[in-house]
Amino acid sequence: MRRRLVVAGLLLCGVVVATWVALGLLRAKDLQRVEAWLPAIEAAAAEADIDAFLLAGVVYAESRGDAQAVSGAGARGLCQLMPSTAEELALRVDVDGPPYAPEDNLRMGARYLRELLDRFDGDVDLVLLGYRMGPTRVAREVREQGREAFVVGLQANAASPWNYRTQVLESGALLRGRAGR
């Protein structure tokens, strides 16, 4: 009996380790896909006067660098812009479409981040929450609850937009490190 438990435990450990390795390889592949877009990400970020690795983190979190990504809600491209948002942004950055080229999707995503940075006075936490939840909702919650109460409430919830914000910042920092910047 004890021998079977040991064998079962070793098999379970092997499955866990194999899963970790597979997830690590998947993450590395996703990071490489985003890294392939870094020249276009940097150009779009420079045009919008934002940090390129903030945009790269958004691209990682939103699409894992898949320019053809489409969400269940209909968001599209590297920056996963909703069609109505993309149409508005396309007018402001002088982009033809739809469909939009991946570089144009990056330009529109960068512009959207710039507008959110301006709206939320450079508060990157609120910017990323606005990107995920919608800026009107974030502004309303901050107005009604106060910034700190709103953020603490999000942090207390395991399945929260706060996790998105963390993923963007962590992946952006990882991509910056991998790029040597």
N, C-alpha and C. Protein backbone atom coordinates (compact mmCIF):
# COMPACT_ATOMS: atom_id res chain seq x y z
N MET A 1 0.83 -1.19 0.00
CA MET A 1 0.00 0.00 0.00
C MET A 1 0.87 1.26 0.00
N ARG A 2 1.86 1.26 0.90
CA ARG A 2 2.73 2.42 0.99
C ARG A 2 3.49 2.65 -0.32
N ARG A 3 3.93 1.52 -0.93
CA ARG A 3 4.66 1.62 -2.19
C ARG A 3 3.78 2.24 -3.27
N ARG A 4 2.49 1.88 -3.31
CA ARG A 4 1.56 2.45 -4.29
C ARG A 4 1.38 3.95 -4.07
N LEU A 5 1.32 4.35 -2.82
CA LEU A 5 1.19 5.78 -2.52
C LEU A 5 2.41 6.56 -2.97
N VAL A 6 3.59 5.97 -2.75
CA VAL A 6 4.83 6.62 -3.17
C VAL A 6 4.85 6.75 -4.69
N VAL A 7 4.50 5.66 -5.38
CA VAL A 7 4.48 5.68 -6.84
C VAL A 7 3.45 6.70 -7.34
N ALA A 8 2.27 6.72 -6.74
CA ALA A 8 1.23 7.68 -7.13
C ALA A 8 1.71 9.11 -6.89
N GLY A 9 2.37 9.32 -5.76
CA GLY A 9 2.90 10.65 -5.45
C GLY A 9 3.95 11.07 -6.45
N LEU A 10 4.84 10.15 -6.84
CA LEU A 10 5.86 10.47 -7.83
C LEU A 10 5.23 10.77 -9.19
N LEU A 11 4.23 10.00 -9.56
CA LEU A 11 3.54 10.26 -10.83
C LEU A 11 2.87 11.63 -10.81
N LEU A 12 2.24 11.97 -9.69
CA LEU A 12 1.60 13.27 -9.58
C LEU A 12 2.63 14.39 -9.66
N CYS A 13 3.76 14.21 -8.99
CA CYS A 13 4.83 15.21 -9.07
C CYS A 13 5.32 15.37 -10.50
N GLY A 14 5.44 14.25 -11.22
CA GLY A 14 5.87 14.29 -12.61
C GLY A 14 4.89 15.06 -13.48
N VAL A 15 3.60 14.86 -13.23
CA VAL A 15 2.58 15.58 -13.99
C VAL A 15 2.67 17.07 -13.68
N VAL A 16 2.84 17.42 -12.41
CA VAL A 16 2.94 18.83 -12.03
C VAL A 16 4.16 19.46 -12.68
N VAL A 17 5.30 18.80 -12.63
CA VAL A 17 6.52 19.34 -13.22
C VAL A 17 6.36 19.47 -14.74
N ALA A 18 5.77 18.45 -15.38
CA ALA A 18 5.56 18.52 -16.83
C ALA A 18 4.64 19.68 -17.19
N THR A 19 3.62 19.92 -16.37
CA THR A 19 2.71 21.04 -16.61
C THR A 19 3.45 22.36 -16.46
N TRP A 20 4.27 22.49 -15.42
CA TRP A 20 5.05 23.72 -15.24
C TRP A 20 5.97 23.96 -16.43
N VAL A 21 6.63 22.90 -16.89
CA VAL A 21 7.54 23.03 -18.03
C VAL A 21 6.76 23.46 -19.27
N ALA A 22 5.62 22.80 -19.50
CA ALA A 22 4.80 23.14 -20.67
C ALA A 22 4.33 24.59 -20.60
N LEU A 23 3.88 25.03 -19.43
CA LEU A 23 3.44 26.40 -19.28
C LEU A 23 4.59 27.38 -19.50
N GLY A 24 5.75 27.03 -19.01
CA GLY A 24 6.92 27.87 -19.22
C GLY A 24 7.28 27.97 -20.69
N LEU A 25 7.19 26.85 -21.40
CA LEU A 25 7.48 26.86 -22.83
C LEU A 25 6.42 27.66 -23.58
N LEU A 26 5.16 27.51 -23.18
CA LEU A 26 4.11 28.29 -23.83
C LEU A 26 4.33 29.77 -23.58
N ARG A 27 4.67 30.12 -22.36
CA ARG A 27 4.92 31.53 -22.05
C ARG A 27 6.10 32.06 -22.86
N ALA A 28 7.16 31.25 -22.97
CA ALA A 28 8.32 31.68 -23.76
C ALA A 28 7.93 31.89 -25.22
N LYS A 29 7.10 31.01 -25.75
CA LYS A 29 6.66 31.15 -27.14
C LYS A 29 5.82 32.41 -27.31
N ASP A 30 4.94 32.68 -26.34
CA ASP A 30 4.13 33.90 -26.39
C ASP A 30 5.00 35.14 -26.30
N LEU A 31 5.99 35.12 -25.41
CA LEU A 31 6.90 36.25 -25.27
C LEU A 31 7.67 36.49 -26.57
N GLN A 32 8.10 35.42 -27.21
CA GLN A 32 8.83 35.55 -28.47
C GLN A 32 7.93 36.14 -29.56
N ARG A 33 6.66 35.74 -29.54
CA ARG A 33 5.73 36.29 -30.54
C ARG A 33 5.55 37.80 -30.33
N VAL A 34 5.47 38.23 -29.06
CA VAL A 34 5.37 39.67 -28.78
C VAL A 34 6.68 40.35 -29.15
N GLU A 35 7.80 39.73 -28.83
CA GLU A 35 9.10 40.32 -29.16
C GLU A 35 9.27 40.55 -30.66
N ALA A 36 8.67 39.71 -31.47
CA ALA A 36 8.75 39.90 -32.92
C ALA A 36 8.08 41.21 -33.35
N TRP A 37 7.15 41.69 -32.52
CA TRP A 37 6.46 42.94 -32.82
C TRP A 37 7.12 44.16 -32.19
N LEU A 38 8.24 43.98 -31.46
CA LEU A 38 8.84 45.10 -30.73
C LEU A 38 9.18 46.31 -31.60
N PRO A 39 9.72 46.16 -32.80
CA PRO A 39 9.97 47.37 -33.60
C PRO A 39 8.69 48.17 -33.86
N ALA A 40 7.60 47.49 -34.19
CA ALA A 40 6.33 48.17 -34.43
C ALA A 40 5.74 48.71 -33.13
N ILE A 41 5.92 47.98 -32.04
CA ILE A 41 5.45 48.44 -30.73
C ILE A 41 6.19 49.71 -30.35
N GLU A 42 7.51 49.71 -30.52
CA GLU A 42 8.31 50.89 -30.16
C GLU A 42 7.94 52.09 -31.03
N ALA A 43 7.68 51.87 -32.32
CA ALA A 43 7.30 52.98 -33.20
C ALA A 43 5.94 53.55 -32.78
N ALA A 44 4.99 52.68 -32.49
CA ALA A 44 3.66 53.14 -32.08
C ALA A 44 3.73 53.87 -30.74
N ALA A 45 4.54 53.35 -29.82
CA ALA A 45 4.68 53.97 -28.51
C ALA A 45 5.35 55.34 -28.63
N ALA A 46 6.36 55.45 -29.47
CA ALA A 46 7.03 56.74 -29.66
C ALA A 46 6.06 57.76 -30.25
N GLU A 47 5.26 57.35 -31.20
CA GLU A 47 4.28 58.25 -31.81
C GLU A 47 3.28 58.76 -30.77
N ALA A 48 2.88 57.88 -29.83
CA ALA A 48 1.91 58.27 -28.81
C ALA A 48 2.56 58.83 -27.55
N ASP A 49 3.89 58.85 -27.51
CA ASP A 49 4.64 59.32 -26.35
C ASP A 49 4.28 58.54 -25.09
N ILE A 50 4.37 57.20 -25.20
CA ILE A 50 4.16 56.32 -24.05
C ILE A 50 5.32 55.35 -23.96
N ASP A 51 5.42 54.66 -22.85
CA ASP A 51 6.46 53.65 -22.64
C ASP A 51 6.17 52.45 -23.54
N ALA A 52 7.13 52.07 -24.36
CA ALA A 52 6.96 50.96 -25.28
C ALA A 52 6.66 49.65 -24.55
N PHE A 53 7.21 49.49 -23.35
CA PHE A 53 7.02 48.23 -22.66
C PHE A 53 5.70 48.18 -21.90
N LEU A 54 5.07 49.32 -21.70
CA LEU A 54 3.68 49.32 -21.23
C LEU A 54 2.80 48.77 -22.36
N LEU A 55 3.03 49.26 -23.57
CA LEU A 55 2.27 48.76 -24.73
C LEU A 55 2.59 47.29 -24.97
N ALA A 56 3.85 46.90 -24.86
CA ALA A 56 4.22 45.49 -25.05
C ALA A 56 3.53 44.61 -24.02
N GLY A 57 3.43 45.09 -22.78
CA GLY A 57 2.73 44.33 -21.74
C GLY A 57 1.25 44.16 -22.07
N VAL A 58 0.64 45.21 -22.61
CA VAL A 58 -0.76 45.13 -23.02
C VAL A 58 -0.90 44.11 -24.15
N VAL A 59 0.00 44.15 -25.12
CA VAL A 59 -0.05 43.20 -26.24
C VAL A 59 0.08 41.78 -25.71
N TYR A 60 0.99 41.56 -24.77
CA TYR A 60 1.14 40.21 -24.20
C TYR A 60 -0.16 39.78 -23.50
N ALA A 61 -0.68 40.63 -22.65
CA ALA A 61 -1.87 40.28 -21.87
C ALA A 61 -3.10 40.12 -22.76
N GLU A 62 -3.20 40.92 -23.79
CA GLU A 62 -4.40 40.91 -24.62
C GLU A 62 -4.41 39.82 -25.68
N SER A 63 -3.30 39.64 -26.38
CA SER A 63 -3.31 38.75 -27.55
C SER A 63 -2.17 37.74 -27.58
N ARG A 64 -1.25 37.83 -26.65
CA ARG A 64 -0.05 37.00 -26.67
C ARG A 64 0.72 37.15 -27.97
N GLY A 65 0.56 38.34 -28.60
CA GLY A 65 1.30 38.63 -29.82
C GLY A 65 0.67 38.05 -31.08
N ASP A 66 -0.55 37.57 -30.98
CA ASP A 66 -1.26 37.02 -32.13
C ASP A 66 -2.06 38.13 -32.81
N ALA A 67 -1.58 38.58 -33.95
CA ALA A 67 -2.21 39.69 -34.65
C ALA A 67 -3.61 39.36 -35.14
N GLN A 68 -3.93 38.09 -35.25
CA GLN A 68 -5.25 37.65 -35.73
C GLN A 68 -6.21 37.33 -34.59
N ALA A 69 -5.82 37.60 -33.36
CA ALA A 69 -6.65 37.24 -32.20
C ALA A 69 -7.99 37.98 -32.26
N VAL A 70 -9.05 37.24 -31.90
CA VAL A 70 -10.39 37.81 -31.78
C VAL A 70 -10.98 37.24 -30.49
N SER A 71 -11.42 38.13 -29.61
CA SER A 71 -11.99 37.68 -28.33
C SER A 71 -13.45 37.26 -28.52
N GLY A 72 -13.97 36.60 -27.52
CA GLY A 72 -15.38 36.21 -27.54
C GLY A 72 -16.30 37.42 -27.60
N ALA A 73 -15.83 38.55 -27.11
CA ALA A 73 -16.63 39.79 -27.13
C ALA A 73 -16.48 40.55 -28.45
N GLY A 74 -15.54 40.09 -29.30
CA GLY A 74 -15.36 40.75 -30.59
C GLY A 74 -14.16 41.67 -30.69
N ALA A 75 -13.37 41.79 -29.60
CA ALA A 75 -12.16 42.62 -29.66
C ALA A 75 -11.16 41.96 -30.61
N ARG A 76 -10.40 42.80 -31.31
CA ARG A 76 -9.54 42.28 -32.37
C ARG A 76 -8.11 42.79 -32.29
N GLY A 77 -7.21 41.95 -32.79
CA GLY A 77 -5.84 42.35 -33.03
C GLY A 77 -4.92 42.26 -31.83
N LEU A 78 -3.74 42.77 -32.01
CA LEU A 78 -2.70 42.71 -30.99
C LEU A 78 -3.12 43.40 -29.69
N CYS A 79 -3.82 44.52 -29.82
CA CYS A 79 -4.25 45.29 -28.64
C CYS A 79 -5.69 44.97 -28.23
N GLN A 80 -6.34 44.05 -28.95
CA GLN A 80 -7.70 43.62 -28.64
C GLN A 80 -8.64 44.80 -28.46
N LEU A 81 -8.75 45.59 -29.51
CA LEU A 81 -9.64 46.75 -29.49
C LEU A 81 -11.03 46.33 -29.95
N MET A 82 -12.04 46.79 -29.24
CA MET A 82 -13.41 46.56 -29.67
C MET A 82 -13.63 47.34 -30.97
N PRO A 83 -14.45 46.82 -31.89
CA PRO A 83 -14.64 47.51 -33.17
C PRO A 83 -15.06 48.97 -33.03
N SER A 84 -15.95 49.28 -32.11
CA SER A 84 -16.39 50.68 -31.97
C SER A 84 -15.24 51.57 -31.47
N THR A 85 -14.45 51.07 -30.54
CA THR A 85 -13.29 51.83 -30.05
C THR A 85 -12.27 52.01 -31.17
N ALA A 86 -12.04 50.94 -31.93
CA ALA A 86 -11.08 51.02 -33.04
C ALA A 86 -11.52 52.04 -34.08
N GLU A 87 -12.82 52.08 -34.38
CA GLU A 87 -13.31 53.05 -35.36
C GLU A 87 -13.05 54.49 -34.90
N GLU A 88 -13.32 54.75 -33.63
CA GLU A 88 -13.07 56.10 -33.09
C GLU A 88 -11.59 56.44 -33.12
N LEU A 89 -10.75 55.48 -32.70
CA LEU A 89 -9.31 55.72 -32.66
C LEU A 89 -8.74 55.87 -34.07
N ALA A 90 -9.27 55.12 -35.02
CA ALA A 90 -8.77 55.19 -36.40
C ALA A 90 -8.90 56.60 -36.95
N LEU A 91 -9.97 57.27 -36.59
CA LEU A 91 -10.15 58.64 -37.05
C LEU A 91 -9.09 59.57 -36.45
N ARG A 92 -8.76 59.32 -35.19
CA ARG A 92 -7.80 60.20 -34.51
C ARG A 92 -6.35 59.96 -34.93
N VAL A 93 -6.04 58.76 -35.39
CA VAL A 93 -4.65 58.48 -35.80
C VAL A 93 -4.54 58.35 -37.32
N ASP A 94 -5.62 58.69 -38.03
CA ASP A 94 -5.63 58.69 -39.49
C ASP A 94 -5.26 57.32 -40.06
N VAL A 95 -6.08 56.32 -39.68
CA VAL A 95 -5.88 54.94 -40.13
C VAL A 95 -7.10 54.53 -40.94
N ASP A 96 -6.85 53.90 -42.09
CA ASP A 96 -7.93 53.36 -42.90
C ASP A 96 -8.29 51.96 -42.43
N GLY A 97 -9.56 51.62 -42.54
CA GLY A 97 -10.01 50.28 -42.18
C GLY A 97 -11.42 50.37 -41.68
N PRO A 98 -11.99 49.35 -41.19
CA PRO A 98 -11.41 48.01 -41.04
C PRO A 98 -11.35 47.26 -42.36
N PRO A 99 -10.61 46.19 -42.46
CA PRO A 99 -9.75 45.65 -41.40
C PRO A 99 -8.51 46.52 -41.21
N TYR A 100 -7.92 46.38 -40.05
CA TYR A 100 -6.74 47.18 -39.69
C TYR A 100 -5.49 46.31 -39.73
N ALA A 101 -4.42 46.86 -40.24
CA ALA A 101 -3.13 46.17 -40.23
C ALA A 101 -2.66 46.07 -38.78
N PRO A 102 -1.86 45.05 -38.46
CA PRO A 102 -1.36 44.92 -37.09
C PRO A 102 -0.64 46.18 -36.59
N GLU A 103 0.12 46.83 -37.46
CA GLU A 103 0.82 48.04 -37.06
C GLU A 103 -0.17 49.16 -36.73
N ASP A 104 -1.28 49.21 -37.45
CA ASP A 104 -2.31 50.20 -37.16
C ASP A 104 -3.03 49.88 -35.86
N ASN A 105 -3.25 48.59 -35.59
CA ASN A 105 -3.85 48.18 -34.33
C ASN A 105 -2.95 48.62 -33.17
N LEU A 106 -1.64 48.49 -33.34
CA LEU A 106 -0.69 48.94 -32.33
C LEU A 106 -0.75 50.46 -32.16
N ARG A 107 -0.81 51.18 -33.27
CA ARG A 107 -0.89 52.65 -33.19
C ARG A 107 -2.16 53.08 -32.46
N MET A 108 -3.26 52.41 -32.75
CA MET A 108 -4.52 52.76 -32.09
C MET A 108 -4.48 52.38 -30.61
N GLY A 109 -3.90 51.21 -30.29
CA GLY A 109 -3.77 50.81 -28.89
C GLY A 109 -2.88 51.76 -28.12
N ALA A 110 -1.79 52.20 -28.75
CA ALA A 110 -0.88 53.16 -28.10
C ALA A 110 -1.60 54.49 -27.88
N ARG A 111 -2.36 54.93 -28.85
CA ARG A 111 -3.09 56.19 -28.72
C ARG A 111 -4.12 56.09 -27.60
N TYR A 112 -4.80 54.95 -27.52
CA TYR A 112 -5.78 54.73 -26.46
C TYR A 112 -5.11 54.79 -25.09
N LEU A 113 -3.95 54.15 -24.96
CA LEU A 113 -3.21 54.22 -23.69
C LEU A 113 -2.83 55.67 -23.38
N ARG A 114 -2.38 56.42 -24.39
CA ARG A 114 -2.03 57.84 -24.19
C ARG A 114 -3.24 58.62 -23.67
N GLU A 115 -4.39 58.40 -24.28
CA GLU A 115 -5.60 59.09 -23.85
C GLU A 115 -5.99 58.70 -22.42
N LEU A 116 -5.82 57.43 -22.09
CA LEU A 116 -6.12 56.99 -20.72
C LEU A 116 -5.11 57.57 -19.72
N LEU A 117 -3.84 57.65 -20.12
CA LEU A 117 -2.83 58.27 -19.25
C LEU A 117 -3.19 59.73 -18.98
N ASP A 118 -3.65 60.43 -20.00
CA ASP A 118 -4.06 61.82 -19.83
C ASP A 118 -5.30 61.90 -18.95
N ARG A 119 -6.26 61.05 -19.18
CA ARG A 119 -7.52 61.08 -18.43
C ARG A 119 -7.31 60.79 -16.95
N PHE A 120 -6.42 59.82 -16.65
CA PHE A 120 -6.20 59.41 -15.26
C PHE A 120 -4.90 59.99 -14.68
N ASP A 121 -4.47 61.12 -15.22
CA ASP A 121 -3.31 61.86 -14.71
C ASP A 121 -2.07 60.99 -14.51
N GLY A 122 -1.83 60.08 -15.46
CA GLY A 122 -0.63 59.26 -15.42
C GLY A 122 -0.68 58.11 -14.44
N ASP A 123 -1.81 57.87 -13.78
CA ASP A 123 -1.95 56.77 -12.83
C ASP A 123 -2.07 55.47 -13.61
N VAL A 124 -0.95 54.76 -13.75
CA VAL A 124 -0.90 53.56 -14.59
C VAL A 124 -1.86 52.49 -14.10
N ASP A 125 -2.05 52.38 -12.80
CA ASP A 125 -3.02 51.41 -12.28
C ASP A 125 -4.41 51.69 -12.85
N LEU A 126 -4.85 52.94 -12.76
CA LEU A 126 -6.18 53.29 -13.27
C LEU A 126 -6.23 53.19 -14.79
N VAL A 127 -5.13 53.50 -15.46
CA VAL A 127 -5.06 53.38 -16.92
C VAL A 127 -5.32 51.93 -17.33
N LEU A 128 -4.62 51.01 -16.70
CA LEU A 128 -4.78 49.60 -17.08
C LEU A 128 -6.14 49.05 -16.66
N LEU A 129 -6.64 49.50 -15.54
CA LEU A 129 -8.00 49.10 -15.17
C LEU A 129 -9.01 49.66 -16.16
N GLY A 130 -8.78 50.89 -16.62
CA GLY A 130 -9.64 51.50 -17.62
C GLY A 130 -9.57 50.76 -18.95
N TYR A 131 -8.39 50.30 -19.31
CA TYR A 131 -8.23 49.55 -20.55
C TYR A 131 -9.03 48.26 -20.46
N ARG A 132 -9.01 47.64 -19.30
CA ARG A 132 -9.68 46.35 -19.11
C ARG A 132 -11.19 46.49 -18.88
N MET A 133 -11.57 47.44 -18.04
CA MET A 133 -12.96 47.56 -17.58
C MET A 133 -13.75 48.64 -18.32
N GLY A 134 -13.04 49.52 -18.97
CA GLY A 134 -13.66 50.69 -19.59
C GLY A 134 -13.40 51.91 -18.73
N PRO A 135 -12.95 52.99 -19.33
CA PRO A 135 -12.57 54.17 -18.57
C PRO A 135 -13.75 54.84 -17.86
N THR A 136 -14.92 54.80 -18.44
CA THR A 136 -16.07 55.43 -17.80
C THR A 136 -16.41 54.71 -16.50
N ARG A 137 -16.37 53.39 -16.54
CA ARG A 137 -16.66 52.61 -15.33
C ARG A 137 -15.63 52.87 -14.24
N VAL A 138 -14.36 52.90 -14.62
CA VAL A 138 -13.30 53.15 -13.64
C VAL A 138 -13.46 54.53 -13.03
N ALA A 139 -13.69 55.53 -13.86
CA ALA A 139 -13.88 56.90 -13.36
C ALA A 139 -15.06 56.97 -12.39
N ARG A 140 -16.15 56.29 -12.73
CA ARG A 140 -17.33 56.28 -11.86
C ARG A 140 -17.02 55.61 -10.52
N GLU A 141 -16.35 54.46 -10.56
CA GLU A 141 -16.02 53.74 -9.33
C GLU A 141 -15.09 54.56 -8.44
N VAL A 142 -14.11 55.22 -9.05
CA VAL A 142 -13.19 56.06 -8.28
C VAL A 142 -13.94 57.24 -7.66
N ARG A 143 -14.84 57.83 -8.43
CA ARG A 143 -15.63 58.96 -7.92
C ARG A 143 -16.53 58.51 -6.75
N GLU A 144 -17.16 57.34 -6.88
CA GLU A 144 -18.09 56.87 -5.86
C GLU A 144 -17.40 56.29 -4.63
N GLN A 145 -16.30 55.54 -4.85
CA GLN A 145 -15.65 54.84 -3.74
C GLN A 145 -14.38 55.52 -3.25
N GLY A 146 -13.77 56.30 -4.10
CA GLY A 146 -12.42 56.80 -3.84
C GLY A 146 -11.43 55.81 -4.44
N ARG A 147 -10.28 56.31 -4.84
CA ARG A 147 -9.31 55.46 -5.51
C ARG A 147 -8.88 54.28 -4.65
N GLU A 148 -8.50 54.58 -3.41
CA GLU A 148 -7.96 53.52 -2.56
C GLU A 148 -8.98 52.42 -2.29
N ALA A 149 -10.20 52.79 -1.96
CA ALA A 149 -11.23 51.78 -1.69
C ALA A 149 -11.52 50.94 -2.94
N PHE A 150 -11.54 51.59 -4.08
CA PHE A 150 -11.77 50.88 -5.34
C PHE A 150 -10.66 49.87 -5.59
N VAL A 151 -9.41 50.29 -5.45
CA VAL A 151 -8.28 49.41 -5.69
C VAL A 151 -8.24 48.28 -4.66
N VAL A 152 -8.45 48.59 -3.41
CA VAL A 152 -8.44 47.55 -2.36
C VAL A 152 -9.53 46.52 -2.63
N GLY A 153 -10.70 46.97 -3.06
CA GLY A 153 -11.78 46.05 -3.39
C GLY A 153 -11.40 45.12 -4.53
N LEU A 154 -10.72 45.65 -5.54
CA LEU A 154 -10.28 44.81 -6.65
C LEU A 154 -9.20 43.82 -6.21
N GLN A 155 -8.28 44.29 -5.38
CA GLN A 155 -7.20 43.43 -4.92
C GLN A 155 -7.71 42.28 -4.07
N ALA A 156 -8.84 42.47 -3.39
CA ALA A 156 -9.39 41.44 -2.51
C ALA A 156 -10.08 40.32 -3.30
N ASN A 157 -10.38 40.57 -4.56
CA ASN A 157 -11.10 39.59 -5.37
C ASN A 157 -10.09 38.82 -6.22
N ALA A 158 -10.09 37.49 -6.10
CA ALA A 158 -9.10 36.68 -6.82
C ALA A 158 -9.24 36.80 -8.34
N ALA A 159 -10.45 36.83 -8.84
CA ALA A 159 -10.66 36.95 -10.29
C ALA A 159 -10.99 38.40 -10.60
N SER A 160 -9.98 39.23 -10.61
CA SER A 160 -10.19 40.67 -10.67
C SER A 160 -9.42 41.31 -11.81
N PRO A 161 -9.91 42.45 -12.30
CA PRO A 161 -9.12 43.22 -13.27
C PRO A 161 -7.76 43.63 -12.72
N TRP A 162 -7.60 43.62 -11.40
CA TRP A 162 -6.30 43.94 -10.81
C TRP A 162 -5.26 42.93 -11.29
N ASN A 163 -5.65 41.67 -11.46
CA ASN A 163 -4.72 40.65 -11.95
C ASN A 163 -4.27 40.97 -13.38
N TYR A 164 -5.17 41.52 -14.18
CA TYR A 164 -4.82 41.96 -15.53
C TYR A 164 -3.74 43.04 -15.46
N ARG A 165 -3.95 44.02 -14.61
CA ARG A 165 -3.00 45.11 -14.42
C ARG A 165 -1.63 44.56 -14.03
N THR A 166 -1.62 43.59 -13.14
CA THR A 166 -0.37 42.98 -12.69
C THR A 166 0.30 42.22 -13.84
N GLN A 167 -0.50 41.49 -14.61
CA GLN A 167 0.05 40.75 -15.74
C GLN A 167 0.68 41.69 -16.76
N VAL A 168 0.03 42.79 -17.06
CA VAL A 168 0.58 43.76 -18.02
C VAL A 168 1.91 44.30 -17.51
N LEU A 169 1.95 44.72 -16.26
CA LEU A 169 3.18 45.31 -15.72
C LEU A 169 4.30 44.29 -15.62
N GLU A 170 3.99 43.08 -15.19
CA GLU A 170 5.02 42.05 -15.07
C GLU A 170 5.54 41.62 -16.43
N SER A 171 4.65 41.41 -17.39
CA SER A 171 5.12 40.98 -18.71
C SER A 171 5.88 42.12 -19.40
N GLY A 172 5.45 43.36 -19.21
CA GLY A 172 6.19 44.49 -19.76
C GLY A 172 7.59 44.56 -19.19
N ALA A 173 7.72 44.36 -17.88
CA ALA A 173 9.04 44.37 -17.24
C ALA A 173 9.90 43.21 -17.73
N LEU A 174 9.29 42.04 -17.89
CA LEU A 174 10.02 40.88 -18.40
C LEU A 174 10.51 41.12 -19.83
N LEU A 175 9.64 41.67 -20.66
CA LEU A 175 10.03 41.98 -22.04
C LEU A 175 11.12 43.04 -22.09
N ARG A 176 11.03 44.05 -21.20
CA ARG A 176 12.09 45.08 -21.13
C ARG A 176 13.43 44.42 -20.77
N GLY A 177 13.42 43.54 -19.79
CA GLY A 177 14.63 42.86 -19.39
C GLY A 177 15.20 41.99 -20.51
N ARG A 178 14.33 41.26 -21.18
CA ARG A 178 14.78 40.40 -22.28
C ARG A 178 15.36 41.23 -23.42
N ALA A 179 14.86 42.46 -23.59
CA ALA A 179 15.37 43.35 -24.64
C ALA A 179 16.63 44.09 -24.18
N GLY A 180 16.99 43.95 -22.92
CA GLY A 180 18.17 44.62 -22.39
C GLY A 180 18.01 46.11 -22.19
N ARG A 181 16.78 46.54 -21.87
CA ARG A 181 16.55 47.98 -21.71
C ARG A 181 16.05 48.28 -20.35
